[in-house]
Amino acid sequence: MRATGLSSVAWTKSSHSNATGNCVELAELPGGRVAMRNSRDPQGPVLIYTRDEIAAFVAGARGGDFDFFIG
């Protein structure tokens, strides 16, 4: 799906994001799903997840599961 198909949703990003626009943005969708996009390409592709999938990702990020990506 492309973000252009989700023009009515409210996109949010972390308050820790910098002003350069290199951020992950999330939007709540009907039915409890969550959309994710890259703020550098706001009209580009969107990934759709369940709340449980997003919760698992956030827990993994907080728990260090992805630290090997940054050294």
PDB file of N, CA and C in Angstrom:
ATOM      1  N   MET A   1       0.847  -1.173   0.000  1.00  0.00           N
ATOM      2  CA  MET A   1       0.000   0.000   0.000  1.00  0.00           C
ATOM      3  C   MET A   1       0.895   1.239   0.000  1.00  0.00           C
ATOM      4  N   ARG A   2       0.411   2.306  -0.598  1.00  0.00           N
ATOM      5  CA  ARG A   2       1.131   3.574  -0.605  1.00  0.00           C
ATOM      6  C   ARG A   2       0.442   4.541   0.363  1.00  0.00           C
ATOM      7  N   ALA A   3       1.217   5.458   0.902  1.00  0.00           N
ATOM      8  CA  ALA A   3       0.696   6.417   1.877  1.00  0.00           C
ATOM      9  C   ALA A   3      -0.405   7.290   1.292  1.00  0.00           C
ATOM     10  N   THR A   4      -0.410   7.473  -0.003  1.00  0.00           N
ATOM     11  CA  THR A   4      -1.454   8.294  -0.622  1.00  0.00           C
ATOM     12  C   THR A   4      -2.845   7.713  -0.374  1.00  0.00           C
ATOM     13  N   GLY A   5      -2.931   6.425  -0.113  1.00  0.00           N
ATOM     14  CA  GLY A   5      -4.207   5.796   0.193  1.00  0.00           C
ATOM     15  C   GLY A   5      -4.648   5.984   1.633  1.00  0.00           C
ATOM     16  N   LEU A   6      -3.819   6.643   2.422  1.00  0.00           N
ATOM     17  CA  LEU A   6      -4.120   6.860   3.845  1.00  0.00           C
ATOM     18  C   LEU A   6      -4.088   8.351   4.186  1.00  0.00           C
ATOM     19  N   SER A   7      -4.657   9.162   3.340  1.00  0.00           N
ATOM     20  CA  SER A   7      -4.569  10.613   3.525  1.00  0.00           C
ATOM     21  C   SER A   7      -5.322  11.126   4.747  1.00  0.00           C
ATOM     22  N   SER A   8      -6.259  10.354   5.274  1.00  0.00           N
ATOM     23  CA  SER A   8      -7.054  10.846   6.400  1.00  0.00           C
ATOM     24  C   SER A   8      -6.497  10.457   7.769  1.00  0.00           C
ATOM     25  N   VAL A   9      -5.398   9.714   7.830  1.00  0.00           N
ATOM     26  CA  VAL A   9      -4.861   9.294   9.128  1.00  0.00           C
ATOM     27  C   VAL A   9      -3.882  10.334   9.667  1.00  0.00           C
ATOM     28  N   ALA A  10      -3.703  10.320  10.977  1.00  0.00           N
ATOM     29  CA  ALA A  10      -2.767  11.237  11.639  1.00  0.00           C
ATOM     30  C   ALA A  10      -1.456  10.494  11.887  1.00  0.00           C
ATOM     31  N   TRP A  11      -0.399  10.933  11.237  1.00  0.00           N
ATOM     32  CA  TRP A  11       0.919  10.317  11.389  1.00  0.00           C
ATOM     33  C   TRP A  11       1.644  10.936  12.570  1.00  0.00           C
ATOM     34  N   THR A  12       2.330  10.110  13.344  1.00  0.00           N
ATOM     35  CA  THR A  12       3.119  10.595  14.480  1.00  0.00           C
ATOM     36  C   THR A  12       4.512   9.992  14.417  1.00  0.00           C
ATOM     37  N   LYS A  13       5.454  10.717  15.020  1.00  0.00           N
ATOM     38  CA  LYS A  13       6.826  10.219  15.123  1.00  0.00           C
ATOM     39  C   LYS A  13       7.325  10.489  16.529  1.00  0.00           C
ATOM     40  N   SER A  14       8.411   9.890  16.871  1.00  0.00           N
ATOM     41  CA  SER A  14       8.979  10.034  18.207  1.00  0.00           C
ATOM     42  C   SER A  14       9.356  11.484  18.484  1.00  0.00           C
ATOM     43  N   SER A  15       9.185  11.899  19.714  1.00  0.00           N
ATOM     44  CA  SER A  15       9.629  13.243  20.113  1.00  0.00           C
ATOM     45  C   SER A  15      11.149  13.330  20.101  1.00  0.00           C
ATOM     46  N   HIS A  16      11.826  12.195  20.018  1.00  0.00           N
ATOM     47  CA  HIS A  16      13.289  12.168  19.948  1.00  0.00           C
ATOM     48  C   HIS A  16      13.801  12.304  18.517  1.00  0.00           C
ATOM     49  N   SER A  17      12.908  12.334  17.537  1.00  0.00           N
ATOM     50  CA  SER A  17      13.312  12.451  16.141  1.00  0.00           C
ATOM     51  C   SER A  17      13.933  13.812  15.889  1.00  0.00           C
ATOM     52  N   ASN A  18      14.911  13.834  14.994  1.00  0.00           N
ATOM     53  CA  ASN A  18      15.554  15.113  14.675  1.00  0.00           C
ATOM     54  C   ASN A  18      14.797  15.821  13.557  1.00  0.00           C
ATOM     55  N   ALA A  19      15.220  17.017  13.253  1.00  0.00           N
ATOM     56  CA  ALA A  19      14.509  17.856  12.286  1.00  0.00           C
ATOM     57  C   ALA A  19      14.838  17.519  10.836  1.00  0.00           C
ATOM     58  N   THR A  20      15.757  16.594  10.584  1.00  0.00           N
ATOM     59  CA  THR A  20      16.150  16.289   9.210  1.00  0.00           C
ATOM     60  C   THR A  20      15.122  15.455   8.462  1.00  0.00           C
ATOM     61  N   GLY A  21      14.148  14.932   9.154  1.00  0.00           N
ATOM     62  CA  GLY A  21      13.098  14.178   8.493  1.00  0.00           C
ATOM     63  C   GLY A  21      13.420  12.718   8.245  1.00  0.00           C
ATOM     64  N   ASN A  22      14.434  12.199   8.882  1.00  0.00           N
ATOM     65  CA  ASN A  22      14.789  10.785   8.734  1.00  0.00           C
ATOM     66  C   ASN A  22      14.156   9.993   9.866  1.00  0.00           C
ATOM     67  N   CYS A  23      12.852   9.832   9.798  1.00  0.00           N
ATOM     68  CA  CYS A  23      12.116   9.256  10.921  1.00  0.00           C
ATOM     69  C   CYS A  23      11.165   8.164  10.452  1.00  0.00           C
ATOM     70  N   VAL A  24      10.818   7.307  11.375  1.00  0.00           N
ATOM     71  CA  VAL A  24       9.738   6.349  11.172  1.00  0.00           C
ATOM     72  C   VAL A  24       8.483   6.996  11.737  1.00  0.00           C
ATOM     73  N   GLU A  25       7.417   6.979  10.971  1.00  0.00           N
ATOM     74  CA  GLU A  25       6.147   7.533  11.423  1.00  0.00           C
ATOM     75  C   GLU A  25       5.114   6.413  11.507  1.00  0.00           C
ATOM     76  N   LEU A  26       4.243   6.514  12.505  1.00  0.00           N
ATOM     77  CA  LEU A  26       3.188   5.525  12.720  1.00  0.00           C
ATOM     78  C   LEU A  26       1.826   6.206  12.690  1.00  0.00           C
ATOM     79  N   ALA A  27       0.825   5.456  12.267  1.00  0.00           N
ATOM     80  CA  ALA A  27      -0.555   5.951  12.274  1.00  0.00           C
ATOM     81  C   ALA A  27      -1.479   4.811  12.671  1.00  0.00           C
ATOM     82  N   GLU A  28      -2.439   5.125  13.533  1.00  0.00           N
ATOM     83  CA  GLU A  28      -3.435   4.128  13.930  1.00  0.00           C
ATOM     84  C   GLU A  28      -4.491   4.014  12.836  1.00  0.00           C
ATOM     85  N   LEU A  29      -4.823   2.789  12.483  1.00  0.00           N
ATOM     86  CA  LEU A  29      -5.818   2.525  11.447  1.00  0.00           C
ATOM     87  C   LEU A  29      -7.061   1.891  12.065  1.00  0.00           C
ATOM     88  N   PRO A  30      -8.177   1.936  11.365  1.00  0.00           N
ATOM     89  CA  PRO A  30      -9.381   1.259  11.850  1.00  0.00           C
ATOM     90  C   PRO A  30      -9.109  -0.235  12.059  1.00  0.00           C
ATOM     91  N   GLY A  31      -9.771  -0.804  13.016  1.00  0.00           N
ATOM     92  CA  GLY A  31      -9.619  -2.225  13.276  1.00  0.00           C
ATOM     93  C   GLY A  31      -8.398  -2.571  14.099  1.00  0.00           C
ATOM     94  N   GLY A  32      -7.739  -1.554  14.663  1.00  0.00           N
ATOM     95  CA  GLY A  32      -6.603  -1.806  15.532  1.00  0.00           C
ATOM     96  C   GLY A  32      -5.287  -2.044  14.830  1.00  0.00           C
ATOM     97  N   ARG A  33      -5.228  -1.831  13.534  1.00  0.00           N
ATOM     98  CA  ARG A  33      -3.962  -1.990  12.820  1.00  0.00           C
ATOM     99  C   ARG A  33      -3.144  -0.713  12.921  1.00  0.00           C
ATOM    100  N   VAL A  34      -1.853  -0.828  12.604  1.00  0.00           N
ATOM    101  CA  VAL A  34      -0.935   0.304  12.676  1.00  0.00           C
ATOM    102  C   VAL A  34      -0.169   0.384  11.359  1.00  0.00           C
ATOM    103  N   ALA A  35      -0.117   1.576  10.773  1.00  0.00           N
ATOM    104  CA  ALA A  35       0.644   1.804   9.547  1.00  0.00           C
ATOM    105  C   ALA A  35       1.992   2.415   9.904  1.00  0.00           C
ATOM    106  N   MET A  36       3.020   2.050   9.140  1.00  0.00           N
ATOM    107  CA  MET A  36       4.363   2.580   9.363  1.00  0.00           C
ATOM    108  C   MET A  36       4.911   3.066   8.018  1.00  0.00           C
ATOM    109  N   ARG A  37       5.537   4.253   8.031  1.00  0.00           N
ATOM    110  CA  ARG A  37       6.141   4.786   6.807  1.00  0.00           C
ATOM    111  C   ARG A  37       7.440   5.507   7.133  1.00  0.00           C
ATOM    112  N   ASN A  38       8.193   5.807   6.095  1.00  0.00           N
ATOM    113  CA  ASN A  38       9.433   6.561   6.201  1.00  0.00           C
ATOM    114  C   ASN A  38       9.108   8.027   5.939  1.00  0.00           C
ATOM    115  N   SER A  39       9.455   8.911   6.861  1.00  0.00           N
ATOM    116  CA  SER A  39       9.113  10.326   6.698  1.00  0.00           C
ATOM    117  C   SER A  39       9.834  10.974   5.517  1.00  0.00           C
ATOM    118  N   ARG A  40      10.918  10.388   5.048  1.00  0.00           N
ATOM    119  CA  ARG A  40      11.611  10.932   3.875  1.00  0.00           C
ATOM    120  C   ARG A  40      10.797  10.728   2.603  1.00  0.00           C
ATOM    121  N   ASP A  41       9.848   9.808   2.626  1.00  0.00           N
ATOM    122  CA  ASP A  41       9.020   9.513   1.459  1.00  0.00           C
ATOM    123  C   ASP A  41       7.557   9.417   1.901  1.00  0.00           C
ATOM    124  N   PRO A  42       6.959  10.546   2.284  1.00  0.00           N
ATOM    125  CA  PRO A  42       5.613  10.512   2.867  1.00  0.00           C
ATOM    126  C   PRO A  42       4.521  10.003   1.926  1.00  0.00           C
ATOM    127  N   GLN A  43       4.768   9.985   0.640  1.00  0.00           N
ATOM    128  CA  GLN A  43       3.794   9.448  -0.313  1.00  0.00           C
ATOM    129  C   GLN A  43       4.137   8.017  -0.723  1.00  0.00           C
ATOM    130  N   GLY A  44       5.209   7.494  -0.160  1.00  0.00           N
ATOM    131  CA  GLY A  44       5.726   6.185  -0.548  1.00  0.00           C
ATOM    132  C   GLY A  44       5.024   5.016   0.108  1.00  0.00           C
ATOM    133  N   PRO A  45       5.709   3.875   0.118  1.00  0.00           N
ATOM    134  CA  PRO A  45       5.101   2.650   0.641  1.00  0.00           C
ATOM    135  C   PRO A  45       4.830   2.702   2.135  1.00  0.00           C
ATOM    136  N   VAL A  46       3.818   1.970   2.533  1.00  0.00           N
ATOM    137  CA  VAL A  46       3.411   1.873   3.932  1.00  0.00           C
ATOM    138  C   VAL A  46       3.370   0.393   4.301  1.00  0.00           C
ATOM    139  N   LEU A  47       3.870   0.077   5.473  1.00  0.00           N
ATOM    140  CA  LEU A  47       3.775  -1.276   6.010  1.00  0.00           C
ATOM    141  C   LEU A  47       2.655  -1.294   7.037  1.00  0.00           C
ATOM    142  N   ILE A  48       1.843  -2.332   7.027  1.00  0.00           N
ATOM    143  CA  ILE A  48       0.704  -2.445   7.936  1.00  0.00           C
ATOM    144  C   ILE A  48       0.954  -3.598   8.905  1.00  0.00           C
ATOM    145  N   TYR A  49       0.787  -3.314  10.195  1.00  0.00           N
ATOM    146  CA  TYR A  49       1.023  -4.303  11.244  1.00  0.00           C
ATOM    147  C   TYR A  49      -0.168  -4.348  12.197  1.00  0.00           C
ATOM    148  N   THR A  50      -0.239  -5.430  12.954  1.00  0.00           N
ATOM    149  CA  THR A  50      -1.205  -5.497  14.049  1.00  0.00           C
ATOM    150  C   THR A  50      -0.591  -4.793  15.259  1.00  0.00           C
ATOM    151  N   ARG A  51      -1.416  -4.482  16.237  1.00  0.00           N
ATOM    152  CA  ARG A  51      -0.895  -3.876  17.476  1.00  0.00           C
ATOM    153  C   ARG A  51       0.092  -4.817  18.161  1.00  0.00           C
ATOM    154  N   ASP A  52      -0.195  -6.114  18.142  1.00  0.00           N
ATOM    155  CA  ASP A  52       0.712  -7.080  18.768  1.00  0.00           C
ATOM    156  C   ASP A  52       2.071  -7.103  18.078  1.00  0.00           C
ATOM    157  N   GLU A  53       2.083  -6.997  16.764  1.00  0.00           N
ATOM    158  CA  GLU A  53       3.357  -6.972  16.032  1.00  0.00           C
ATOM    159  C   GLU A  53       4.161  -5.722  16.375  1.00  0.00           C
ATOM    160  N   ILE A  54       3.492  -4.571  16.454  1.00  0.00           N
ATOM    161  CA  ILE A  54       4.189  -3.330  16.823  1.00  0.00           C
ATOM    162  C   ILE A  54       4.705  -3.431  18.252  1.00  0.00           C
ATOM    163  N   ALA A  55       3.900  -3.963  19.155  1.00  0.00           N
ATOM    164  CA  ALA A  55       4.328  -4.113  20.552  1.00  0.00           C
ATOM    165  C   ALA A  55       5.552  -5.017  20.650  1.00  0.00           C
ATOM    166  N   ALA A  56       5.582  -6.097  19.885  1.00  0.00           N
ATOM    167  CA  ALA A  56       6.736  -7.001  19.895  1.00  0.00           C
ATOM    168  C   ALA A  56       7.976  -6.305  19.342  1.00  0.00           C
ATOM    169  N   PHE A  57       7.811  -5.510  18.287  1.00  0.00           N
ATOM    170  CA  PHE A  57       8.944  -4.773  17.722  1.00  0.00           C
ATOM    171  C   PHE A  57       9.501  -3.772  18.731  1.00  0.00           C
ATOM    172  N   VAL A  58       8.628  -2.997  19.348  1.00  0.00           N
ATOM    173  CA  VAL A  58       9.070  -2.000  20.329  1.00  0.00           C
ATOM    174  C   VAL A  58       9.754  -2.679  21.511  1.00  0.00           C
ATOM    175  N   ALA A  59       9.197  -3.772  21.988  1.00  0.00           N
ATOM    176  CA  ALA A  59       9.821  -4.504  23.101  1.00  0.00           C
ATOM    177  C   ALA A  59      11.202  -5.009  22.701  1.00  0.00           C
ATOM    178  N   GLY A  60      11.331  -5.504  21.483  1.00  0.00           N
ATOM    179  CA  GLY A  60      12.631  -5.967  21.006  1.00  0.00           C
ATOM    180  C   GLY A  60      13.634  -4.836  20.889  1.00  0.00           C
ATOM    181  N   ALA A  61      13.185  -3.692  20.393  1.00  0.00           N
ATOM    182  CA  ALA A  61      14.081  -2.539  20.277  1.00  0.00           C
ATOM    183  C   ALA A  61      14.533  -2.062  21.652  1.00  0.00           C
ATOM    184  N   ARG A  62      13.609  -1.978  22.569  1.00  0.00           N
ATOM    185  CA  ARG A  62      13.961  -1.570  23.937  1.00  0.00           C
ATOM    186  C   ARG A  62      14.872  -2.594  24.604  1.00  0.00           C
ATOM    187  N   GLY A  63      14.683  -3.858  24.284  1.00  0.00           N
ATOM    188  CA  GLY A  63      15.459  -4.930  24.905  1.00  0.00           C
ATOM    189  C   GLY A  63      16.810  -5.178  24.261  1.00  0.00           C
ATOM    190  N   GLY A  64      17.143  -4.422  23.213  1.00  0.00           N
ATOM    191  CA  GLY A  64      18.455  -4.552  22.592  1.00  0.00           C
ATOM    192  C   GLY A  64      18.544  -5.589  21.485  1.00  0.00           C
ATOM    193  N   ASP A  65      17.415  -6.134  21.058  1.00  0.00           N
ATOM    194  CA  ASP A  65      17.438  -7.172  20.028  1.00  0.00           C
ATOM    195  C   ASP A  65      18.029  -6.711  18.698  1.00  0.00           C
ATOM    196  N   PHE A  66      18.059  -5.420  18.453  1.00  0.00           N
ATOM    197  CA  PHE A  66      18.543  -4.908  17.170  1.00  0.00           C
ATOM    198  C   PHE A  66      19.848  -4.127  17.301  1.00  0.00           C
ATOM    199  N   ASP A  67      20.472  -4.186  18.448  1.00  0.00           N
ATOM    200  CA  ASP A  67      21.693  -3.414  18.684  1.00  0.00           C
ATOM    201  C   ASP A  67      22.827  -3.793  17.741  1.00  0.00           C
ATOM    202  N   PHE A  68      22.834  -5.016  17.234  1.00  0.00           N
ATOM    203  CA  PHE A  68      23.910  -5.429  16.333  1.00  0.00           C
ATOM    204  C   PHE A  68      23.912  -4.612  15.043  1.00  0.00           C
ATOM    205  N   PHE A  69      22.788  -3.973  14.698  1.00  0.00           N
ATOM    206  CA  PHE A  69      22.740  -3.124  13.512  1.00  0.00           C
ATOM    207  C   PHE A  69      23.584  -1.861  13.669  1.00  0.00           C
ATOM    208  N   ILE A  70      23.769  -1.414  14.887  1.00  0.00           N
ATOM    209  CA  ILE A  70      24.500  -0.164  15.120  1.00  0.00           C
ATOM    210  C   ILE A  70      25.880  -0.391  15.712  1.00  0.00           C
ATOM    211  N   GLY A  71      26.300  -1.603  15.756  1.00  0.00           N
ATOM    212  CA  GLY A  71      27.662  -1.902  16.205  1.00  0.00           C
ATOM    213  C   GLY A  71      27.705  -2.287  17.602  1.00  0.00           C
TER     214      GLY A  71
END
